[in-house]
C-alpha atoms as a PDB file:
ATOM      1  CA  MET A   1     -28.266 -90.327 129.452  1.00  0.00           C
ATOM      2  CA  LYS A   2     -26.785 -91.847 132.588  1.00  0.00           C
ATOM      3  CA  GLY A   3     -24.322 -88.948 132.920  1.00  0.00           C
ATOM      4  CA  ARG A   4     -27.141 -86.401 132.804  1.00  0.00           C
ATOM      5  CA  MET A   5     -29.034 -88.158 135.577  1.00  0.00           C
ATOM      6  CA  SER A   6     -25.998 -88.166 137.853  1.00  0.00           C
ATOM      7  CA  SER A   7     -25.423 -84.450 137.205  1.00  0.00           C
ATOM      8  CA  VAL A   8     -29.067 -83.733 138.105  1.00  0.00           C
ATOM      9  CA  LEU A   9     -28.687 -85.726 141.322  1.00  0.00           C
ATOM     10  CA  THR A  10     -25.456 -83.870 142.102  1.00  0.00           C
ATOM     11  CA  LEU A  11     -27.180 -80.529 141.491  1.00  0.00           C
ATOM     12  CA  LYS A  12     -30.056 -81.525 143.792  1.00  0.00           C
ATOM     13  CA  GLN A  13     -27.570 -82.653 146.448  1.00  0.00           C
ATOM     14  CA  LEU A  14     -25.689 -79.353 146.207  1.00  0.00           C
ATOM     15  CA  SER A  15     -28.880 -77.322 146.524  1.00  0.00           C
ATOM     16  CA  TRP A  16     -29.976 -79.452 149.514  1.00  0.00           C
ATOM     17  CA  ASP A  17     -26.575 -78.984 151.164  1.00  0.00           C
ATOM     18  CA  LYS A  18     -26.830 -75.218 150.647  1.00  0.00           C
ATOM     19  CA  CYS A  19     -30.369 -75.158 152.014  1.00  0.00           C
ATOM     20  CA  SER A  20     -29.483 -77.225 155.073  1.00  0.00           C
ATOM     21  CA  ARG A  21     -26.444 -75.015 155.748  1.00  0.00           C
ATOM     22  CA  LEU A  22     -28.614 -71.884 155.590  1.00  0.00           C
ATOM     23  CA  MET A  23     -31.192 -73.463 157.902  1.00  0.00           C
ATOM     24  CA  ARG A  24     -28.462 -74.388 160.377  1.00  0.00           C
ATOM     25  CA  GLU A  25     -27.095 -70.825 160.306  1.00  0.00           C
ATOM     26  CA  GLN A  26     -30.562 -69.370 160.919  1.00  0.00           C
ATOM     27  CA  ARG A  27     -31.185 -71.786 163.787  1.00  0.00           C
ATOM     28  CA  THR A  28     -27.845 -70.844 165.332  1.00  0.00           C
ATOM     29  CA  ARG A  29     -28.637 -67.124 165.054  1.00  0.00           C
ATOM     30  CA  LEU A  30     -32.042 -67.631 166.654  1.00  0.00           C
ATOM     31  CA  TYR A  31     -30.489 -69.647 169.478  1.00  0.00           C
ATOM     32  CA  ILE A  32     -27.917 -66.914 170.160  1.00  0.00           C
ATOM     33  CA  MET A  33     -30.602 -64.202 170.151  1.00  0.00           C
ATOM     34  CA  TRP A  34     -32.792 -66.289 172.464  1.00  0.00           C
ATOM     35  CA  ARG A  35     -29.922 -66.860 174.903  1.00  0.00           C
ATOM     36  CA  CYS A  36     -29.057 -63.144 174.933  1.00  0.00           C
ATOM     37  CA  THR A  37     -32.696 -62.276 175.597  1.00  0.00           C
ATOM     38  CA  VAL A  38     -32.878 -64.729 178.496  1.00  0.00           C
ATOM     39  CA  ILE A  39     -29.670 -63.358 179.973  1.00  0.00           C
ATOM     40  CA  LEU A  40     -30.920 -59.769 179.690  1.00  0.00           C
ATOM     41  CA  LEU A  41     -34.290 -60.627 181.230  1.00  0.00           C
ATOM     42  CA  CYS A  42     -32.672 -62.464 184.121  1.00  0.00           C
ATOM     43  CA  TRP A  43     -30.039 -59.768 184.688  1.00  0.00           C
ATOM     44  CA  ASP A  44     -31.956 -58.032 187.516  1.00  0.00           C
ATOM     45  CA  GLU A  45     -32.749 -61.145 189.491  1.00  0.00           C
END
């Protein structure tokens, strides 16, 4: 029984790691798009 609990915790940890990695990638993409937009808007000034 103890082995099953540790495998469940490991599975939850892996899914959390995957989720946090995806969130970090999305945040990075949004930051890059935001910076490009700011640069383009300020290009004329």
